[in-house]
């Protein structure tokens, strides 16, 4: 709930940007982030995380966490992605991440063209929003950096796949490792290349 003691001008500024990272990989979670920026503490250089260097993302990640009014990141793991499918898992993550924000937003701006049902606040879609709306840009950076860090840690638990390099995306090196090692528990078994790598073990 939004604290009723907040000044009206601040309550009206509680607009959350929402974005995700990791819908396309064959392994690891999809990360969904929501950010409410503080109008009194602007952050220079916010942009779609995909056009930023890794160093720029890390720098902005620290600034966002230090200056925003609220932020949350939710990771939906491979098992839930397999159970729900990637679209429904992403939509479920958007509901969870908005519900986790304190103070609660009065409006959510969601990157893309699909609104999840049963959101805890009013929401609007914005196609290409990660390059247009600073709060969505901030969310894209939090989601991307959080997921990249998770995948780098995952590489220590499951060596040989190169998660620290490709972050689970279907690069030639990842596909080769899949064929050589087979899937690990962090792979999305509902995705076709992972299913294909499982076939020899089933024959």
C-alpha atoms as a PDB file:
ATOM      1  CA  UNK A   1       0.000   0.000   0.000  1.00  0.00           C
ATOM      2  CA  UNK A   2       1.104   3.576  -0.666  1.00  0.00           C
ATOM      3  CA  UNK A   3       1.573   5.330   2.694  1.00  0.00           C
ATOM      4  CA  UNK A   4      -1.240   7.917   3.060  1.00  0.00           C
ATOM      5  CA  UNK A   5       1.186  10.401   4.658  1.00  0.00           C
ATOM      6  CA  UNK A   6       3.040  10.933   1.381  1.00  0.00           C
ATOM      7  CA  UNK A   7       2.460  14.398  -0.122  1.00  0.00           C
ATOM      8  CA  UNK A   8       0.007  14.382  -3.028  1.00  0.00           C
ATOM      9  CA  UNK A   9       2.699  15.587  -5.447  1.00  0.00           C
ATOM     10  CA  UNK A  10       4.900  12.624  -4.516  1.00  0.00           C
ATOM     11  CA  UNK A  11       2.033  10.122  -4.727  1.00  0.00           C
ATOM     12  CA  UNK A  12       1.331  11.308  -8.280  1.00  0.00           C
ATOM     13  CA  UNK A  13       4.983  10.681  -9.196  1.00  0.00           C
ATOM     14  CA  UNK A  14       4.828   7.026  -8.138  1.00  0.00           C
ATOM     15  CA  UNK A  15       4.951   5.687 -11.690  1.00  0.00           C
ATOM     16  CA  UNK A  16       6.731   2.365 -12.045  1.00  0.00           C
ATOM     17  CA  UNK A  17       8.606   1.248 -15.116  1.00  0.00           C
ATOM     18  CA  UNK A  18       8.567  -2.501 -15.764  1.00  0.00           C
ATOM     19  CA  UNK A  19      10.776  -4.556 -18.075  1.00  0.00           C
ATOM     20  CA  UNK A  20      12.255  -8.032 -18.360  1.00  0.00           C
ATOM     21  CA  UNK A  21      15.470  -9.700 -19.427  1.00  0.00           C
ATOM     22  CA  UNK A  22      16.003 -13.250 -20.559  1.00  0.00           C
ATOM     23  CA  UNK A  23      12.953 -14.416 -22.475  1.00  0.00           C
ATOM     24  CA  UNK A  24      15.029 -15.948 -25.275  1.00  0.00           C
ATOM     25  CA  UNK A  25      17.737 -17.971 -23.481  1.00  0.00           C
ATOM     26  CA  UNK A  26      17.713 -21.755 -23.233  1.00  0.00           C
ATOM     27  CA  UNK A  27      18.766 -21.723 -19.574  1.00  0.00           C
ATOM     28  CA  UNK A  28      18.332 -19.722 -16.424  1.00  0.00           C
ATOM     29  CA  UNK A  29      15.512 -17.511 -15.219  1.00  0.00           C
ATOM     30  CA  UNK A  30      13.649 -14.675 -16.822  1.00  0.00           C
ATOM     31  CA  UNK A  31      14.234 -11.542 -14.740  1.00  0.00           C
ATOM     32  CA  UNK A  32      11.529  -8.917 -14.295  1.00  0.00           C
ATOM     33  CA  UNK A  33      12.246  -5.566 -12.675  1.00  0.00           C
ATOM     34  CA  UNK A  34      10.122  -2.608 -11.615  1.00  0.00           C
ATOM     35  CA  UNK A  35      11.495   0.820 -10.699  1.00  0.00           C
ATOM     36  CA  UNK A  36       9.960   4.027  -9.387  1.00  0.00           C
ATOM     37  CA  UNK A  37      12.418   6.849 -10.062  1.00  0.00           C
ATOM     38  CA  UNK A  38      12.766   9.857  -7.776  1.00  0.00           C
ATOM     39  CA  UNK A  39      12.088  13.080  -9.721  1.00  0.00           C
ATOM     40  CA  UNK A  40      14.308  14.933  -7.244  1.00  0.00           C
ATOM     41  CA  UNK A  41      17.300  12.669  -7.987  1.00  0.00           C
ATOM     42  CA  UNK A  42      17.572  12.292 -11.777  1.00  0.00           C
ATOM     43  CA  UNK A  43      19.973   9.782 -13.299  1.00  0.00           C
ATOM     44  CA  UNK A  44      21.870  10.673 -16.452  1.00  0.00           C
ATOM     45  CA  UNK A  45      22.492   8.095 -19.164  1.00  0.00           C
ATOM     46  CA  UNK A  46      19.449   5.861 -18.727  1.00  0.00           C
ATOM     47  CA  UNK A  47      18.783   3.881 -21.897  1.00  0.00           C
ATOM     48  CA  UNK A  48      17.694   0.475 -23.110  1.00  0.00           C
ATOM     49  CA  UNK A  49      20.070  -1.957 -21.417  1.00  0.00           C
ATOM     50  CA  UNK A  50      20.780  -3.673 -24.750  1.00  0.00           C
ATOM     51  CA  UNK A  51      22.524  -0.587 -26.159  1.00  0.00           C
ATOM     52  CA  UNK A  52      24.711  -0.012 -23.092  1.00  0.00           C
ATOM     53  CA  UNK A  53      28.085  -1.556 -22.382  1.00  0.00           C
ATOM     54  CA  UNK A  54      28.400  -3.934 -19.448  1.00  0.00           C
ATOM     55  CA  UNK A  55      30.419  -1.316 -17.549  1.00  0.00           C
ATOM     56  CA  UNK A  56      27.768   1.364 -18.152  1.00  0.00           C
ATOM     57  CA  UNK A  57      25.033  -0.999 -17.000  1.00  0.00           C
ATOM     58  CA  UNK A  58      26.903  -1.766 -13.777  1.00  0.00           C
ATOM     59  CA  UNK A  59      27.420   1.950 -13.073  1.00  0.00           C
ATOM     60  CA  UNK A  60      23.771   2.768 -13.726  1.00  0.00           C
ATOM     61  CA  UNK A  61      22.653  -0.268 -11.701  1.00  0.00           C
ATOM     62  CA  UNK A  62      24.378   1.227  -8.646  1.00  0.00           C
ATOM     63  CA  UNK A  63      22.920   4.684  -9.282  1.00  0.00           C
ATOM     64  CA  UNK A  64      19.392   3.356  -9.725  1.00  0.00           C
ATOM     65  CA  UNK A  65      19.555   1.396  -6.489  1.00  0.00           C
ATOM     66  CA  UNK A  66      20.919   4.419  -4.618  1.00  0.00           C
ATOM     67  CA  UNK A  67      18.534   7.065  -5.995  1.00  0.00           C
ATOM     68  CA  UNK A  68      15.199   5.445  -6.838  1.00  0.00           C
ATOM     69  CA  UNK A  69      12.110   5.632  -4.631  1.00  0.00           C
ATOM     70  CA  UNK A  70      11.418   1.903  -4.997  1.00  0.00           C
ATOM     71  CA  UNK A  71      12.676  -1.082  -6.935  1.00  0.00           C
ATOM     72  CA  UNK A  72      12.152  -4.831  -7.056  1.00  0.00           C
ATOM     73  CA  UNK A  73      13.466  -7.707  -9.133  1.00  0.00           C
ATOM     74  CA  UNK A  74      11.788 -11.097  -9.531  1.00  0.00           C
ATOM     75  CA  UNK A  75      13.472 -14.155 -11.071  1.00  0.00           C
ATOM     76  CA  UNK A  76      11.181 -16.809 -12.586  1.00  0.00           C
ATOM     77  CA  UNK A  77      13.150 -20.046 -12.743  1.00  0.00           C
ATOM     78  CA  UNK A  78      13.368 -22.568 -15.556  1.00  0.00           C
ATOM     79  CA  UNK A  79      10.971 -24.999 -13.881  1.00  0.00           C
ATOM     80  CA  UNK A  80       8.204 -22.404 -13.703  1.00  0.00           C
ATOM     81  CA  UNK A  81       8.912 -21.301 -17.275  1.00  0.00           C
ATOM     82  CA  UNK A  82       8.514 -24.930 -18.384  1.00  0.00           C
ATOM     83  CA  UNK A  83       5.281 -25.242 -16.432  1.00  0.00           C
ATOM     84  CA  UNK A  84       3.629 -21.992 -17.562  1.00  0.00           C
ATOM     85  CA  UNK A  85       5.440 -21.204 -20.876  1.00  0.00           C
ATOM     86  CA  UNK A  86       7.710 -18.194 -21.231  1.00  0.00           C
ATOM     87  CA  UNK A  87       4.975 -15.641 -21.956  1.00  0.00           C
ATOM     88  CA  UNK A  88       2.800 -16.583 -19.001  1.00  0.00           C
ATOM     89  CA  UNK A  89       5.835 -16.834 -16.716  1.00  0.00           C
ATOM     90  CA  UNK A  90       6.882 -13.318 -17.722  1.00  0.00           C
ATOM     91  CA  UNK A  91       3.379 -11.931 -17.129  1.00  0.00           C
ATOM     92  CA  UNK A  92       3.241 -13.640 -13.730  1.00  0.00           C
ATOM     93  CA  UNK A  93       6.592 -12.066 -12.863  1.00  0.00           C
ATOM     94  CA  UNK A  94       5.271  -8.611 -13.750  1.00  0.00           C
ATOM     95  CA  UNK A  95       2.377  -9.055 -11.331  1.00  0.00           C
ATOM     96  CA  UNK A  96       4.734 -10.187  -8.565  1.00  0.00           C
ATOM     97  CA  UNK A  97       7.286  -7.447  -9.069  1.00  0.00           C
ATOM     98  CA  UNK A  98       4.685  -4.669  -8.994  1.00  0.00           C
ATOM     99  CA  UNK A  99       3.133  -6.134  -5.846  1.00  0.00           C
ATOM    100  CA  UNK A 100       6.580  -6.067  -4.218  1.00  0.00           C
ATOM    101  CA  UNK A 101       7.120  -2.319  -4.639  1.00  0.00           C
ATOM    102  CA  UNK A 102       6.992  -0.149  -1.517  1.00  0.00           C
ATOM    103  CA  UNK A 103       5.634   2.476  -1.816  1.00  0.00           C
ATOM    104  CA  UNK A 104       3.082   1.042  -4.201  1.00  0.00           C
ATOM    105  CA  UNK A 105       2.850   2.646  -7.649  1.00  0.00           C
ATOM    106  CA  UNK A 106      -0.182   4.581  -8.822  1.00  0.00           C
ATOM    107  CA  UNK A 107       0.572   3.571 -12.433  1.00  0.00           C
ATOM    108  CA  UNK A 108       2.790   1.015 -14.161  1.00  0.00           C
ATOM    109  CA  UNK A 109       4.354   1.576 -17.580  1.00  0.00           C
ATOM    110  CA  UNK A 110       5.189  -1.815 -19.077  1.00  0.00           C
ATOM    111  CA  UNK A 111       7.530  -2.329 -21.995  1.00  0.00           C
ATOM    112  CA  UNK A 112       5.865  -4.154 -24.886  1.00  0.00           C
ATOM    113  CA  UNK A 113       2.330  -4.644 -26.169  1.00  0.00           C
ATOM    114  CA  UNK A 114       0.850  -7.042 -23.620  1.00  0.00           C
ATOM    115  CA  UNK A 115      -0.658  -6.157 -20.240  1.00  0.00           C
ATOM    116  CA  UNK A 116      -0.702  -8.904 -17.614  1.00  0.00           C
ATOM    117  CA  UNK A 117      -4.103  -9.560 -16.030  1.00  0.00           C
ATOM    118  CA  UNK A 118      -4.881  -8.817 -12.373  1.00  0.00           C
ATOM    119  CA  UNK A 119      -2.177  -6.213 -11.814  1.00  0.00           C
ATOM    120  CA  UNK A 120      -2.155  -4.455  -8.422  1.00  0.00           C
ATOM    121  CA  UNK A 121      -2.348  -1.008 -10.065  1.00  0.00           C
ATOM    122  CA  UNK A 122      -3.472   0.606 -13.327  1.00  0.00           C
ATOM    123  CA  UNK A 123      -1.038   0.006 -16.179  1.00  0.00           C
ATOM    124  CA  UNK A 124      -0.239   0.990 -19.741  1.00  0.00           C
ATOM    125  CA  UNK A 125       1.865  -0.708 -22.418  1.00  0.00           C
ATOM    126  CA  UNK A 126       4.595   1.161 -24.224  1.00  0.00           C
ATOM    127  CA  UNK A 127       6.180  -0.504 -27.249  1.00  0.00           C
ATOM    128  CA  UNK A 128       9.893   0.268 -27.279  1.00  0.00           C
ATOM    129  CA  UNK A 129       9.491   1.761 -23.829  1.00  0.00           C
ATOM    130  CA  UNK A 130      12.947   0.714 -22.691  1.00  0.00           C
ATOM    131  CA  UNK A 131      14.356   3.323 -25.058  1.00  0.00           C
ATOM    132  CA  UNK A 132      11.681   5.970 -24.466  1.00  0.00           C
ATOM    133  CA  UNK A 133      10.680   6.056 -20.801  1.00  0.00           C
ATOM    134  CA  UNK A 134      13.401   6.521 -18.154  1.00  0.00           C
ATOM    135  CA  UNK A 135      11.647   4.360 -15.552  1.00  0.00           C
ATOM    136  CA  UNK A 136      11.381   1.482 -18.032  1.00  0.00           C
ATOM    137  CA  UNK A 137      15.023   1.993 -19.042  1.00  0.00           C
ATOM    138  CA  UNK A 138      15.961   1.740 -15.368  1.00  0.00           C
ATOM    139  CA  UNK A 139      13.929  -1.445 -15.018  1.00  0.00           C
ATOM    140  CA  UNK A 140      15.610  -2.942 -18.086  1.00  0.00           C
ATOM    141  CA  UNK A 141      19.028  -2.245 -16.547  1.00  0.00           C
ATOM    142  CA  UNK A 142      18.097  -3.776 -13.176  1.00  0.00           C
ATOM    143  CA  UNK A 143      16.671  -6.856 -14.876  1.00  0.00           C
ATOM    144  CA  UNK A 144      19.642  -7.321 -17.208  1.00  0.00           C
ATOM    145  CA  UNK A 145      22.363  -6.850 -14.578  1.00  0.00           C
ATOM    146  CA  UNK A 146      20.546  -9.019 -12.027  1.00  0.00           C
ATOM    147  CA  UNK A 147      20.144 -11.816 -14.524  1.00  0.00           C
ATOM    148  CA  UNK A 148      23.717 -11.566 -15.831  1.00  0.00           C
ATOM    149  CA  UNK A 149      25.053 -11.811 -12.292  1.00  0.00           C
ATOM    150  CA  UNK A 150      22.854 -14.835 -11.636  1.00  0.00           C
ATOM    151  CA  UNK A 151      24.090 -16.574 -14.776  1.00  0.00           C
ATOM    152  CA  UNK A 152      27.736 -15.885 -13.894  1.00  0.00           C
ATOM    153  CA  UNK A 153      27.140 -17.496 -10.485  1.00  0.00           C
ATOM    154  CA  UNK A 154      25.383 -20.382 -12.206  1.00  0.00           C
ATOM    155  CA  UNK A 155      28.521 -21.049 -14.241  1.00  0.00           C
ATOM    156  CA  UNK A 156      30.280 -22.004 -11.017  1.00  0.00           C
ATOM    157  CA  UNK A 157      27.591 -24.557 -10.155  1.00  0.00           C
ATOM    158  CA  UNK A 158      27.317 -25.975 -13.677  1.00  0.00           C
ATOM    159  CA  UNK A 159      30.722 -25.599 -15.375  1.00  0.00           C
ATOM    160  CA  UNK A 160      31.254 -26.464 -19.006  1.00  0.00           C
ATOM    161  CA  UNK A 161      28.256 -24.701 -20.523  1.00  0.00           C
ATOM    162  CA  UNK A 162      29.806 -21.230 -20.638  1.00  0.00           C
ATOM    163  CA  UNK A 163      26.938 -19.503 -18.822  1.00  0.00           C
ATOM    164  CA  UNK A 164      29.287 -16.705 -17.763  1.00  0.00           C
ATOM    165  CA  UNK A 165      29.826 -15.851 -21.437  1.00  0.00           C
ATOM    166  CA  UNK A 166      26.543 -16.356 -23.288  1.00  0.00           C
ATOM    167  CA  UNK A 167      24.213 -16.032 -20.265  1.00  0.00           C
ATOM    168  CA  UNK A 168      22.132 -18.968 -21.508  1.00  0.00           C
ATOM    169  CA  UNK A 169      21.420 -17.677 -25.017  1.00  0.00           C
ATOM    170  CA  UNK A 170      21.605 -20.187 -27.893  1.00  0.00           C
ATOM    171  CA  UNK A 171      25.097 -19.383 -29.149  1.00  0.00           C
ATOM    172  CA  UNK A 172      27.025 -22.005 -31.157  1.00  0.00           C
ATOM    173  CA  UNK A 173      29.181 -22.694 -28.113  1.00  0.00           C
ATOM    174  CA  UNK A 174      26.152 -23.216 -25.898  1.00  0.00           C
ATOM    175  CA  UNK A 175      24.471 -25.523 -28.408  1.00  0.00           C
ATOM    176  CA  UNK A 176      27.660 -27.567 -28.712  1.00  0.00           C
ATOM    177  CA  UNK A 177      27.908 -27.895 -24.926  1.00  0.00           C
ATOM    178  CA  UNK A 178      24.268 -28.974 -24.789  1.00  0.00           C
ATOM    179  CA  UNK A 179      24.919 -31.780 -27.250  1.00  0.00           C
ATOM    180  CA  UNK A 180      28.096 -32.814 -25.442  1.00  0.00           C
ATOM    181  CA  UNK A 181      26.916 -32.575 -21.818  1.00  0.00           C
ATOM    182  CA  UNK A 182      23.149 -32.754 -22.100  1.00  0.00           C
ATOM    183  CA  UNK A 183      20.888 -30.303 -20.255  1.00  0.00           C
ATOM    184  CA  UNK A 184      21.394 -29.356 -16.616  1.00  0.00           C
ATOM    185  CA  UNK A 185      18.517 -28.592 -14.219  1.00  0.00           C
ATOM    186  CA  UNK A 186      18.759 -24.879 -15.061  1.00  0.00           C
ATOM    187  CA  UNK A 187      17.912 -25.503 -18.723  1.00  0.00           C
ATOM    188  CA  UNK A 188      14.412 -24.815 -20.012  1.00  0.00           C
ATOM    189  CA  UNK A 189      13.375 -28.295 -21.068  1.00  0.00           C
ATOM    190  CA  UNK A 190      10.321 -27.012 -22.951  1.00  0.00           C
ATOM    191  CA  UNK A 191      12.538 -25.130 -25.419  1.00  0.00           C
ATOM    192  CA  UNK A 192      13.180 -27.034 -28.650  1.00  0.00           C
ATOM    193  CA  UNK A 193      17.019 -27.068 -28.652  1.00  0.00           C
ATOM    194  CA  UNK A 194      17.024 -28.402 -25.084  1.00  0.00           C
ATOM    195  CA  UNK A 195      14.432 -31.072 -25.927  1.00  0.00           C
ATOM    196  CA  UNK A 196      16.566 -32.053 -28.896  1.00  0.00           C
ATOM    197  CA  UNK A 197      19.640 -32.428 -26.694  1.00  0.00           C
ATOM    198  CA  UNK A 198      17.647 -34.693 -24.367  1.00  0.00           C
ATOM    199  CA  UNK A 199      16.549 -37.092 -27.109  1.00  0.00           C
ATOM    200  CA  UNK A 200      19.640 -39.372 -27.210  1.00  0.00           C
ATOM    201  CA  UNK A 201      19.258 -40.041 -23.494  1.00  0.00           C
ATOM    202  CA  UNK A 202      15.647 -41.080 -24.044  1.00  0.00           C
ATOM    203  CA  UNK A 203      16.340 -43.512 -26.861  1.00  0.00           C
END
